[in-house]
């Protein structure tokens, strides 16, 4: 067994035929762990033990579940009833998962159009690449977004993270000649922690950019926990379970004029991070008005459909 892998060993009373074996369903947490390991299950030579590979280190508090059925013995007797296997990793799951160097990808669609007209003028497939980086400052992290295959950084938020809140303190943007960092006059609250259905908040601040000072208002609400059906992975239905839905509205203005409004819906699985995101922006600048929408799911592997 590779030294960087953990295992689940499923024991059978007698030798089994797995030629038609396919779990009917599993949660996204299990699918994520399975794909992170990157190894196919192995049946022992005598057919009585199935070894399923997972990463040796899993996030604390991660809830794993898979439903087993469709296996049988070599006499044609198949297990038609479903058996649920579940386990929870020891410890408490981090509500908003951060680890230095942690990367993931998301895929979905983008579209844009004219203000007042919901019909898109353009739409396309979209892919996002994210990375978490720890800064030297106390409890500060960068939530970075890249373009194709992490080859070029596009943008990053600078977050202050404590046990009770995730706050935006600044951001970095590529200004053509390199990245510049900008800091807010006061932190804007991204998320209150721990998540609790019904929690809501509003914070305001300002930021000085080369083109002038912008006022920013950020309003958020925790909707509650939901299960999200992703789709089939090799014939197995995958569903993210107990994902926290958080909605956030941002208004950007200068003087008394509103320049932009954004709405973002996040679904966050403790121990994993953001698994789905829907972003809608309206640019109200008369010289460059329009709307833009982005919807994506966290990738679990090429076999997800």
C-alpha atoms as a PDB file:
ATOM      1  CA  UNK A   1       0.000   0.000   0.000  1.00  0.00           C
ATOM      2  CA  UNK A   2       1.396   3.471  -0.839  1.00  0.00           C
ATOM      3  CA  UNK A   3       2.517   5.236   2.308  1.00  0.00           C
ATOM      4  CA  UNK A   4       0.535   8.393   1.571  1.00  0.00           C
ATOM      5  CA  UNK A   5      -2.813   6.586   1.400  1.00  0.00           C
ATOM      6  CA  UNK A   6      -5.390   5.591   3.983  1.00  0.00           C
ATOM      7  CA  UNK A   7      -7.758   2.707   3.455  1.00  0.00           C
ATOM      8  CA  UNK A   8     -11.248   1.417   4.113  1.00  0.00           C
ATOM      9  CA  UNK A   9     -11.385  -2.377   4.160  1.00  0.00           C
ATOM     10  CA  UNK A  10     -14.793  -3.947   3.501  1.00  0.00           C
ATOM     11  CA  UNK A  11     -14.985  -7.592   4.579  1.00  0.00           C
ATOM     12  CA  UNK A  12     -17.362 -10.181   3.083  1.00  0.00           C
ATOM     13  CA  UNK A  13     -18.392 -13.544   4.548  1.00  0.00           C
ATOM     14  CA  UNK A  14     -17.436 -15.320   1.337  1.00  0.00           C
ATOM     15  CA  UNK A  15     -15.789 -14.592  -1.994  1.00  0.00           C
ATOM     16  CA  UNK A  16     -17.747 -11.992  -3.977  1.00  0.00           C
ATOM     17  CA  UNK A  17     -18.203 -11.214  -7.646  1.00  0.00           C
ATOM     18  CA  UNK A  18     -17.710  -7.484  -8.219  1.00  0.00           C
ATOM     19  CA  UNK A  19     -18.026  -7.569 -12.012  1.00  0.00           C
ATOM     20  CA  UNK A  20     -21.333  -5.643 -11.766  1.00  0.00           C
ATOM     21  CA  UNK A  21     -20.549  -3.794  -8.554  1.00  0.00           C
ATOM     22  CA  UNK A  22     -21.284  -0.071  -8.604  1.00  0.00           C
ATOM     23  CA  UNK A  23     -22.327   1.953  -5.518  1.00  0.00           C
ATOM     24  CA  UNK A  24     -25.768   3.473  -6.191  1.00  0.00           C
ATOM     25  CA  UNK A  25     -24.835   6.690  -4.388  1.00  0.00           C
ATOM     26  CA  UNK A  26     -22.257   8.458  -2.240  1.00  0.00           C
ATOM     27  CA  UNK A  27     -21.908  11.890  -0.754  1.00  0.00           C
ATOM     28  CA  UNK A  28     -19.664  14.464  -2.370  1.00  0.00           C
ATOM     29  CA  UNK A  29     -17.324  14.330   0.602  1.00  0.00           C
ATOM     30  CA  UNK A  30     -16.613  10.634  -0.061  1.00  0.00           C
ATOM     31  CA  UNK A  31     -16.301  11.236  -3.823  1.00  0.00           C
ATOM     32  CA  UNK A  32     -13.849  14.071  -3.170  1.00  0.00           C
ATOM     33  CA  UNK A  33     -11.710  11.901  -0.879  1.00  0.00           C
ATOM     34  CA  UNK A  34     -11.818   8.973  -3.329  1.00  0.00           C
ATOM     35  CA  UNK A  35     -10.692  11.168  -6.239  1.00  0.00           C
ATOM     36  CA  UNK A  36      -7.991  12.823  -4.123  1.00  0.00           C
ATOM     37  CA  UNK A  37      -6.490   9.370  -3.506  1.00  0.00           C
ATOM     38  CA  UNK A  38      -6.569   8.586  -7.221  1.00  0.00           C
ATOM     39  CA  UNK A  39      -6.458   4.774  -6.869  1.00  0.00           C
ATOM     40  CA  UNK A  40      -9.011   2.151  -7.846  1.00  0.00           C
ATOM     41  CA  UNK A  41     -10.355  -0.228  -5.150  1.00  0.00           C
ATOM     42  CA  UNK A  42      -8.652  -3.632  -4.942  1.00  0.00           C
ATOM     43  CA  UNK A  43     -10.200  -7.021  -4.167  1.00  0.00           C
ATOM     44  CA  UNK A  44      -8.091  -9.514  -2.221  1.00  0.00           C
ATOM     45  CA  UNK A  45      -6.985 -12.696  -4.041  1.00  0.00           C
ATOM     46  CA  UNK A  46      -9.538 -14.789  -2.133  1.00  0.00           C
ATOM     47  CA  UNK A  47     -12.332 -12.328  -2.944  1.00  0.00           C
ATOM     48  CA  UNK A  48     -13.306 -11.589   0.664  1.00  0.00           C
ATOM     49  CA  UNK A  49     -11.794  -8.116   1.250  1.00  0.00           C
ATOM     50  CA  UNK A  50     -12.290  -4.937  -0.775  1.00  0.00           C
ATOM     51  CA  UNK A  51      -9.736  -2.205  -0.099  1.00  0.00           C
ATOM     52  CA  UNK A  52     -10.852   1.353  -0.899  1.00  0.00           C
ATOM     53  CA  UNK A  53      -8.089   3.954  -0.942  1.00  0.00           C
ATOM     54  CA  UNK A  54      -8.472   7.410   0.583  1.00  0.00           C
ATOM     55  CA  UNK A  55      -5.916  10.100   1.481  1.00  0.00           C
ATOM     56  CA  UNK A  56      -3.937   9.276   4.626  1.00  0.00           C
ATOM     57  CA  UNK A  57      -4.906  12.636   6.160  1.00  0.00           C
ATOM     58  CA  UNK A  58      -8.494  13.815   5.862  1.00  0.00           C
ATOM     59  CA  UNK A  59      -9.995  17.094   7.125  1.00  0.00           C
ATOM     60  CA  UNK A  60     -11.229  16.932  10.711  1.00  0.00           C
ATOM     61  CA  UNK A  61     -14.946  16.302  11.116  1.00  0.00           C
ATOM     62  CA  UNK A  62     -15.453  15.270   7.484  1.00  0.00           C
ATOM     63  CA  UNK A  63     -18.615  13.170   7.050  1.00  0.00           C
ATOM     64  CA  UNK A  64     -18.239  10.268   4.578  1.00  0.00           C
ATOM     65  CA  UNK A  65     -21.050   8.111   3.244  1.00  0.00           C
ATOM     66  CA  UNK A  66     -21.393   5.525   0.474  1.00  0.00           C
ATOM     67  CA  UNK A  67     -24.263   3.144  -0.336  1.00  0.00           C
ATOM     68  CA  UNK A  68     -23.267  -0.403  -1.343  1.00  0.00           C
ATOM     69  CA  UNK A  69     -25.339  -2.796  -3.472  1.00  0.00           C
ATOM     70  CA  UNK A  70     -25.104  -4.892  -6.636  1.00  0.00           C
ATOM     71  CA  UNK A  71     -22.457  -7.352  -5.522  1.00  0.00           C
ATOM     72  CA  UNK A  72     -22.897 -11.078  -5.141  1.00  0.00           C
ATOM     73  CA  UNK A  73     -21.236 -14.471  -4.896  1.00  0.00           C
ATOM     74  CA  UNK A  74     -20.053 -16.673  -7.740  1.00  0.00           C
ATOM     75  CA  UNK A  75     -23.253 -18.737  -7.624  1.00  0.00           C
ATOM     76  CA  UNK A  76     -25.377 -15.891  -8.996  1.00  0.00           C
ATOM     77  CA  UNK A  77     -26.774 -14.673  -5.673  1.00  0.00           C
ATOM     78  CA  UNK A  78     -26.689 -10.879  -5.638  1.00  0.00           C
ATOM     79  CA  UNK A  79     -27.175  -8.399  -2.815  1.00  0.00           C
ATOM     80  CA  UNK A  80     -30.202  -6.387  -3.891  1.00  0.00           C
ATOM     81  CA  UNK A  81     -30.722  -4.516  -0.600  1.00  0.00           C
ATOM     82  CA  UNK A  82     -28.659  -1.378  -0.076  1.00  0.00           C
ATOM     83  CA  UNK A  83     -26.143  -1.150   2.754  1.00  0.00           C
ATOM     84  CA  UNK A  84     -25.043   2.293   3.962  1.00  0.00           C
ATOM     85  CA  UNK A  85     -21.442   2.734   5.091  1.00  0.00           C
ATOM     86  CA  UNK A  86     -20.706   5.982   6.888  1.00  0.00           C
ATOM     87  CA  UNK A  87     -17.982   7.446   9.077  1.00  0.00           C
ATOM     88  CA  UNK A  88     -16.941  10.827  10.428  1.00  0.00           C
ATOM     89  CA  UNK A  89     -13.312  11.866  10.743  1.00  0.00           C
ATOM     90  CA  UNK A  90     -12.353  12.672  14.341  1.00  0.00           C
ATOM     91  CA  UNK A  91     -12.360  16.315  15.375  1.00  0.00           C
ATOM     92  CA  UNK A  92     -14.431  19.372  14.510  1.00  0.00           C
ATOM     93  CA  UNK A  93     -14.726  20.419  10.879  1.00  0.00           C
ATOM     94  CA  UNK A  94     -13.429  23.881  10.046  1.00  0.00           C
ATOM     95  CA  UNK A  95     -16.506  25.778   8.801  1.00  0.00           C
ATOM     96  CA  UNK A  96     -14.405  27.697   6.261  1.00  0.00           C
ATOM     97  CA  UNK A  97     -11.503  25.451   5.275  1.00  0.00           C
ATOM     98  CA  UNK A  98      -8.058  27.030   4.931  1.00  0.00           C
ATOM     99  CA  UNK A  99      -4.738  25.325   4.267  1.00  0.00           C
ATOM    100  CA  UNK A 100      -1.635  26.963   2.826  1.00  0.00           C
ATOM    101  CA  UNK A 101      -1.180  25.852  -0.789  1.00  0.00           C
ATOM    102  CA  UNK A 102      -4.604  24.170  -0.979  1.00  0.00           C
ATOM    103  CA  UNK A 103      -5.887  24.201  -4.587  1.00  0.00           C
ATOM    104  CA  UNK A 104      -9.098  23.218  -6.333  1.00  0.00           C
ATOM    105  CA  UNK A 105     -10.889  23.828  -9.618  1.00  0.00           C
ATOM    106  CA  UNK A 106     -14.470  24.659 -10.563  1.00  0.00           C
ATOM    107  CA  UNK A 107     -16.301  24.461 -13.863  1.00  0.00           C
ATOM    108  CA  UNK A 108     -19.543  25.932 -15.078  1.00  0.00           C
ATOM    109  CA  UNK A 109     -20.950  28.606 -17.355  1.00  0.00           C
ATOM    110  CA  UNK A 110     -20.763  32.362 -17.752  1.00  0.00           C
ATOM    111  CA  UNK A 111     -23.057  34.735 -19.579  1.00  0.00           C
ATOM    112  CA  UNK A 112     -23.471  38.467 -20.037  1.00  0.00           C
ATOM    113  CA  UNK A 113     -26.098  40.829 -21.342  1.00  0.00           C
ATOM    114  CA  UNK A 114     -27.627  44.284 -21.377  1.00  0.00           C
ATOM    115  CA  UNK A 115     -29.207  45.868 -18.307  1.00  0.00           C
ATOM    116  CA  UNK A 116     -32.972  45.373 -18.256  1.00  0.00           C
ATOM    117  CA  UNK A 117     -32.847  42.445 -20.697  1.00  0.00           C
ATOM    118  CA  UNK A 118     -32.452  38.950 -19.157  1.00  0.00           C
ATOM    119  CA  UNK A 119     -31.578  37.354 -22.525  1.00  0.00           C
ATOM    120  CA  UNK A 120     -27.789  36.875 -22.709  1.00  0.00           C
ATOM    121  CA  UNK A 121     -25.864  38.490 -25.518  1.00  0.00           C
ATOM    122  CA  UNK A 122     -23.060  35.970 -25.013  1.00  0.00           C
ATOM    123  CA  UNK A 123     -22.433  32.776 -23.018  1.00  0.00           C
ATOM    124  CA  UNK A 124     -19.545  30.304 -22.688  1.00  0.00           C
ATOM    125  CA  UNK A 125     -18.134  27.417 -20.670  1.00  0.00           C
ATOM    126  CA  UNK A 126     -16.032  28.617 -17.777  1.00  0.00           C
ATOM    127  CA  UNK A 127     -13.294  27.178 -15.573  1.00  0.00           C
ATOM    128  CA  UNK A 128     -11.888  28.642 -12.374  1.00  0.00           C
ATOM    129  CA  UNK A 129      -8.734  27.732 -10.488  1.00  0.00           C
ATOM    130  CA  UNK A 130      -8.363  28.652  -6.821  1.00  0.00           C
ATOM    131  CA  UNK A 131      -5.573  28.583  -4.255  1.00  0.00           C
ATOM    132  CA  UNK A 132      -5.314  29.403  -0.541  1.00  0.00           C
ATOM    133  CA  UNK A 133      -2.118  31.085   0.681  1.00  0.00           C
ATOM    134  CA  UNK A 134      -1.135  32.002   4.219  1.00  0.00           C
ATOM    135  CA  UNK A 135       0.299  35.502   4.674  1.00  0.00           C
ATOM    136  CA  UNK A 136       2.919  36.532   7.178  1.00  0.00           C
ATOM    137  CA  UNK A 137       0.392  38.697   9.007  1.00  0.00           C
ATOM    138  CA  UNK A 138      -1.439  37.138  11.944  1.00  0.00           C
ATOM    139  CA  UNK A 139      -4.528  35.187  10.807  1.00  0.00           C
ATOM    140  CA  UNK A 140      -4.320  36.590   7.272  1.00  0.00           C
ATOM    141  CA  UNK A 141      -4.859  34.532   4.137  1.00  0.00           C
ATOM    142  CA  UNK A 142      -5.062  35.070   0.391  1.00  0.00           C
ATOM    143  CA  UNK A 143      -7.980  33.546  -1.495  1.00  0.00           C
ATOM    144  CA  UNK A 144      -6.523  33.616  -4.999  1.00  0.00           C
ATOM    145  CA  UNK A 145      -8.074  33.065  -8.409  1.00  0.00           C
ATOM    146  CA  UNK A 146      -6.066  31.946 -11.422  1.00  0.00           C
ATOM    147  CA  UNK A 147      -6.676  31.439 -15.102  1.00  0.00           C
ATOM    148  CA  UNK A 148      -5.916  28.292 -17.079  1.00  0.00           C
ATOM    149  CA  UNK A 149      -4.124  25.584 -15.038  1.00  0.00           C
ATOM    150  CA  UNK A 150      -2.778  28.014 -12.420  1.00  0.00           C
ATOM    151  CA  UNK A 151      -0.496  29.590 -15.048  1.00  0.00           C
ATOM    152  CA  UNK A 152      -1.382  33.220 -14.328  1.00  0.00           C
ATOM    153  CA  UNK A 153      -2.873  34.799 -11.232  1.00  0.00           C
ATOM    154  CA  UNK A 154      -5.863  37.049 -11.869  1.00  0.00           C
ATOM    155  CA  UNK A 155      -6.961  38.315  -8.472  1.00  0.00           C
ATOM    156  CA  UNK A 156      -6.909  37.581  -4.748  1.00  0.00           C
ATOM    157  CA  UNK A 157      -8.856  38.594  -1.659  1.00  0.00           C
ATOM    158  CA  UNK A 158      -6.935  39.264   1.543  1.00  0.00           C
ATOM    159  CA  UNK A 159      -8.881  37.702   4.395  1.00  0.00           C
ATOM    160  CA  UNK A 160      -8.615  38.041   8.144  1.00  0.00           C
ATOM    161  CA  UNK A 161      -9.790  34.808   9.763  1.00  0.00           C
ATOM    162  CA  UNK A 162     -10.666  34.281  13.419  1.00  0.00           C
ATOM    163  CA  UNK A 163     -12.843  31.753  15.232  1.00  0.00           C
ATOM    164  CA  UNK A 164     -15.836  34.094  14.941  1.00  0.00           C
ATOM    165  CA  UNK A 165     -15.505  35.672  11.502  1.00  0.00           C
ATOM    166  CA  UNK A 166     -13.963  35.731   8.036  1.00  0.00           C
ATOM    167  CA  UNK A 167     -13.427  39.355   6.997  1.00  0.00           C
ATOM    168  CA  UNK A 168     -12.203  41.021   3.814  1.00  0.00           C
ATOM    169  CA  UNK A 169      -9.387  43.458   4.632  1.00  0.00           C
ATOM    170  CA  UNK A 170      -8.063  44.051   1.116  1.00  0.00           C
ATOM    171  CA  UNK A 171      -7.361  42.583  -2.294  1.00  0.00           C
ATOM    172  CA  UNK A 172      -4.683  42.268  -4.958  1.00  0.00           C
ATOM    173  CA  UNK A 173      -5.179  43.124  -8.623  1.00  0.00           C
ATOM    174  CA  UNK A 174      -3.001  42.807 -11.699  1.00  0.00           C
ATOM    175  CA  UNK A 175      -2.513  46.351 -12.933  1.00  0.00           C
ATOM    176  CA  UNK A 176      -0.607  45.299 -16.061  1.00  0.00           C
ATOM    177  CA  UNK A 177       2.822  46.090 -14.675  1.00  0.00           C
ATOM    178  CA  UNK A 178       2.379  43.759 -11.719  1.00  0.00           C
ATOM    179  CA  UNK A 179       0.117  43.181  -8.746  1.00  0.00           C
ATOM    180  CA  UNK A 180      -0.956  46.035  -6.507  1.00  0.00           C
ATOM    181  CA  UNK A 181      -2.594  45.552  -3.122  1.00  0.00           C
ATOM    182  CA  UNK A 182      -5.404  47.760  -1.822  1.00  0.00           C
ATOM    183  CA  UNK A 183      -6.727  47.794   1.729  1.00  0.00           C
ATOM    184  CA  UNK A 184     -10.155  48.803   3.025  1.00  0.00           C
ATOM    185  CA  UNK A 185     -10.665  51.547   5.570  1.00  0.00           C
ATOM    186  CA  UNK A 186     -12.394  48.944   7.782  1.00  0.00           C
ATOM    187  CA  UNK A 187     -12.850  45.173   7.315  1.00  0.00           C
ATOM    188  CA  UNK A 188     -15.959  43.895   5.557  1.00  0.00           C
ATOM    189  CA  UNK A 189     -17.572  40.826   7.081  1.00  0.00           C
ATOM    190  CA  UNK A 190     -17.584  37.867   4.647  1.00  0.00           C
ATOM    191  CA  UNK A 191     -18.953  35.220   7.016  1.00  0.00           C
ATOM    192  CA  UNK A 192     -19.855  34.988  10.674  1.00  0.00           C
ATOM    193  CA  UNK A 193     -18.553  31.785  12.276  1.00  0.00           C
ATOM    194  CA  UNK A 194     -19.739  29.273  13.152  1.00  0.00           C
ATOM    195  CA  UNK A 195     -22.542  29.236  10.596  1.00  0.00           C
ATOM    196  CA  UNK A 196     -26.033  29.467  12.032  1.00  0.00           C
ATOM    197  CA  UNK A 197     -29.213  29.612   9.981  1.00  0.00           C
ATOM    198  CA  UNK A 198     -30.806  33.045  10.082  1.00  0.00           C
ATOM    199  CA  UNK A 199     -27.642  34.980  10.929  1.00  0.00           C
ATOM    200  CA  UNK A 200     -27.366  38.212   8.947  1.00  0.00           C
ATOM    201  CA  UNK A 201     -25.023  41.191   8.907  1.00  0.00           C
ATOM    202  CA  UNK A 202     -24.062  44.362   7.062  1.00  0.00           C
ATOM    203  CA  UNK A 203     -20.707  46.142   7.084  1.00  0.00           C
ATOM    204  CA  UNK A 204     -19.353  49.147   5.207  1.00  0.00           C
ATOM    205  CA  UNK A 205     -15.957  50.503   4.269  1.00  0.00           C
ATOM    206  CA  UNK A 206     -14.055  52.316   1.556  1.00  0.00           C
ATOM    207  CA  UNK A 207     -11.004  51.735  -0.580  1.00  0.00           C
ATOM    208  CA  UNK A 208      -8.730  54.199  -2.396  1.00  0.00           C
ATOM    209  CA  UNK A 209      -7.971  53.154  -5.980  1.00  0.00           C
ATOM    210  CA  UNK A 210      -5.991  55.052  -8.643  1.00  0.00           C
ATOM    211  CA  UNK A 211      -9.278  56.242 -10.166  1.00  0.00           C
ATOM    212  CA  UNK A 212     -10.680  57.467  -6.847  1.00  0.00           C
ATOM    213  CA  UNK A 213     -12.295  56.411  -3.581  1.00  0.00           C
ATOM    214  CA  UNK A 214     -15.000  53.765  -3.656  1.00  0.00           C
ATOM    215  CA  UNK A 215     -17.517  53.107  -0.892  1.00  0.00           C
ATOM    216  CA  UNK A 216     -18.385  49.445  -0.347  1.00  0.00           C
ATOM    217  CA  UNK A 217     -21.335  47.927   1.503  1.00  0.00           C
ATOM    218  CA  UNK A 218     -21.404  44.161   2.128  1.00  0.00           C
ATOM    219  CA  UNK A 219     -24.530  42.406   3.419  1.00  0.00           C
ATOM    220  CA  UNK A 220     -24.736  38.687   4.183  1.00  0.00           C
ATOM    221  CA  UNK A 221     -27.149  36.035   5.404  1.00  0.00           C
ATOM    222  CA  UNK A 222     -26.830  32.347   6.340  1.00  0.00           C
ATOM    223  CA  UNK A 223     -29.757  30.565   4.674  1.00  0.00           C
ATOM    224  CA  UNK A 224     -29.182  27.125   6.215  1.00  0.00           C
ATOM    225  CA  UNK A 225     -27.906  23.652   5.312  1.00  0.00           C
ATOM    226  CA  UNK A 226     -28.857  21.891   2.082  1.00  0.00           C
ATOM    227  CA  UNK A 227     -28.029  18.733   0.128  1.00  0.00           C
ATOM    228  CA  UNK A 228     -26.829  19.391  -3.424  1.00  0.00           C
ATOM    229  CA  UNK A 229     -27.238  16.690  -6.062  1.00  0.00           C
ATOM    230  CA  UNK A 230     -24.218  16.955  -8.370  1.00  0.00           C
ATOM    231  CA  UNK A 231     -24.848  14.162 -10.869  1.00  0.00           C
ATOM    232  CA  UNK A 232     -23.474  10.805 -11.930  1.00  0.00           C
ATOM    233  CA  UNK A 233     -19.863   9.725 -11.433  1.00  0.00           C
ATOM    234  CA  UNK A 234     -19.333   6.440 -13.242  1.00  0.00           C
ATOM    235  CA  UNK A 235     -22.961   5.476 -12.637  1.00  0.00           C
ATOM    236  CA  UNK A 236     -22.962   6.561  -8.982  1.00  0.00           C
ATOM    237  CA  UNK A 237     -25.149   9.477  -7.898  1.00  0.00           C
ATOM    238  CA  UNK A 238     -23.079  12.042  -6.001  1.00  0.00           C
ATOM    239  CA  UNK A 239     -24.655  14.512  -3.558  1.00  0.00           C
ATOM    240  CA  UNK A 240     -22.896  17.063  -1.372  1.00  0.00           C
ATOM    241  CA  UNK A 241     -24.537  16.703   2.045  1.00  0.00           C
ATOM    242  CA  UNK A 242     -25.159  19.367   4.699  1.00  0.00           C
ATOM    243  CA  UNK A 243     -23.702  22.250   2.697  1.00  0.00           C
ATOM    244  CA  UNK A 244     -24.220  25.666   4.280  1.00  0.00           C
ATOM    245  CA  UNK A 245     -25.851  28.162   1.913  1.00  0.00           C
ATOM    246  CA  UNK A 246     -24.659  31.724   2.445  1.00  0.00           C
ATOM    247  CA  UNK A 247     -25.833  34.690   0.375  1.00  0.00           C
ATOM    248  CA  UNK A 248     -23.933  37.958   0.068  1.00  0.00           C
ATOM    249  CA  UNK A 249     -24.818  41.306  -1.533  1.00  0.00           C
ATOM    250  CA  UNK A 250     -22.265  44.005  -2.347  1.00  0.00           C
ATOM    251  CA  UNK A 251     -22.918  47.603  -3.383  1.00  0.00           C
ATOM    252  CA  UNK A 252     -20.083  49.760  -4.738  1.00  0.00           C
ATOM    253  CA  UNK A 253     -20.608  53.501  -5.007  1.00  0.00           C
ATOM    254  CA  UNK A 254     -18.799  56.789  -5.295  1.00  0.00           C
ATOM    255  CA  UNK A 255     -20.344  59.917  -3.855  1.00  0.00           C
ATOM    256  CA  UNK A 256     -24.058  59.280  -4.137  1.00  0.00           C
ATOM    257  CA  UNK A 257     -23.864  57.205  -7.309  1.00  0.00           C
ATOM    258  CA  UNK A 258     -24.101  53.402  -7.282  1.00  0.00           C
ATOM    259  CA  UNK A 259     -21.590  51.953  -9.749  1.00  0.00           C
ATOM    260  CA  UNK A 260     -22.064  48.221  -9.247  1.00  0.00           C
ATOM    261  CA  UNK A 261     -24.177  45.684  -7.377  1.00  0.00           C
ATOM    262  CA  UNK A 262     -23.179  42.044  -6.860  1.00  0.00           C
ATOM    263  CA  UNK A 263     -25.030  39.028  -5.478  1.00  0.00           C
ATOM    264  CA  UNK A 264     -23.182  35.813  -4.646  1.00  0.00           C
ATOM    265  CA  UNK A 265     -24.654  32.553  -3.396  1.00  0.00           C
ATOM    266  CA  UNK A 266     -22.177  30.148  -1.823  1.00  0.00           C
ATOM    267  CA  UNK A 267     -22.641  26.546  -0.714  1.00  0.00           C
ATOM    268  CA  UNK A 268     -19.907  25.631   1.764  1.00  0.00           C
ATOM    269  CA  UNK A 269     -19.126  22.143   3.094  1.00  0.00           C
ATOM    270  CA  UNK A 270     -17.206  22.266   6.410  1.00  0.00           C
ATOM    271  CA  UNK A 271     -13.787  20.669   5.979  1.00  0.00           C
ATOM    272  CA  UNK A 272     -13.938  21.070   2.179  1.00  0.00           C
ATOM    273  CA  UNK A 273     -14.818  24.684   1.353  1.00  0.00           C
ATOM    274  CA  UNK A 274     -16.977  26.209  -1.381  1.00  0.00           C
ATOM    275  CA  UNK A 275     -18.602  23.479  -3.515  1.00  0.00           C
ATOM    276  CA  UNK A 276     -20.981  25.634  -5.547  1.00  0.00           C
ATOM    277  CA  UNK A 277     -21.139  29.323  -6.388  1.00  0.00           C
ATOM    278  CA  UNK A 278     -23.554  31.553  -8.307  1.00  0.00           C
ATOM    279  CA  UNK A 279     -22.405  35.131  -8.934  1.00  0.00           C
ATOM    280  CA  UNK A 280     -24.473  37.902 -10.536  1.00  0.00           C
ATOM    281  CA  UNK A 281     -23.157  41.419 -11.177  1.00  0.00           C
ATOM    282  CA  UNK A 282     -24.784  44.528 -12.580  1.00  0.00           C
ATOM    283  CA  UNK A 283     -22.424  47.261 -13.805  1.00  0.00           C
ATOM    284  CA  UNK A 284     -24.363  50.531 -13.640  1.00  0.00           C
ATOM    285  CA  UNK A 285     -21.662  52.775 -15.098  1.00  0.00           C
ATOM    286  CA  UNK A 286     -23.351  54.461 -18.104  1.00  0.00           C
ATOM    287  CA  UNK A 287     -20.154  54.113 -20.157  1.00  0.00           C
ATOM    288  CA  UNK A 288     -19.866  50.345 -19.582  1.00  0.00           C
ATOM    289  CA  UNK A 289     -23.204  49.079 -18.293  1.00  0.00           C
ATOM    290  CA  UNK A 290     -24.387  45.477 -18.413  1.00  0.00           C
ATOM    291  CA  UNK A 291     -24.775  42.315 -16.362  1.00  0.00           C
ATOM    292  CA  UNK A 292     -22.585  39.275 -15.886  1.00  0.00           C
ATOM    293  CA  UNK A 293     -23.454  35.888 -14.365  1.00  0.00           C
ATOM    294  CA  UNK A 294     -21.189  33.001 -13.356  1.00  0.00           C
ATOM    295  CA  UNK A 295     -22.328  29.600 -12.051  1.00  0.00           C
ATOM    296  CA  UNK A 296     -19.924  26.786 -11.204  1.00  0.00           C
ATOM    297  CA  UNK A 297     -19.521  23.547  -9.264  1.00  0.00           C
ATOM    298  CA  UNK A 298     -16.385  22.364  -7.558  1.00  0.00           C
ATOM    299  CA  UNK A 299     -14.796  19.680  -9.731  1.00  0.00           C
ATOM    300  CA  UNK A 300     -14.683  16.108  -8.452  1.00  0.00           C
ATOM    301  CA  UNK A 301     -12.990  14.597 -11.508  1.00  0.00           C
ATOM    302  CA  UNK A 302     -13.504  14.232 -15.234  1.00  0.00           C
ATOM    303  CA  UNK A 303     -16.120  11.508 -14.753  1.00  0.00           C
ATOM    304  CA  UNK A 304     -18.645  13.891 -13.176  1.00  0.00           C
ATOM    305  CA  UNK A 305     -21.463  14.681 -15.608  1.00  0.00           C
END
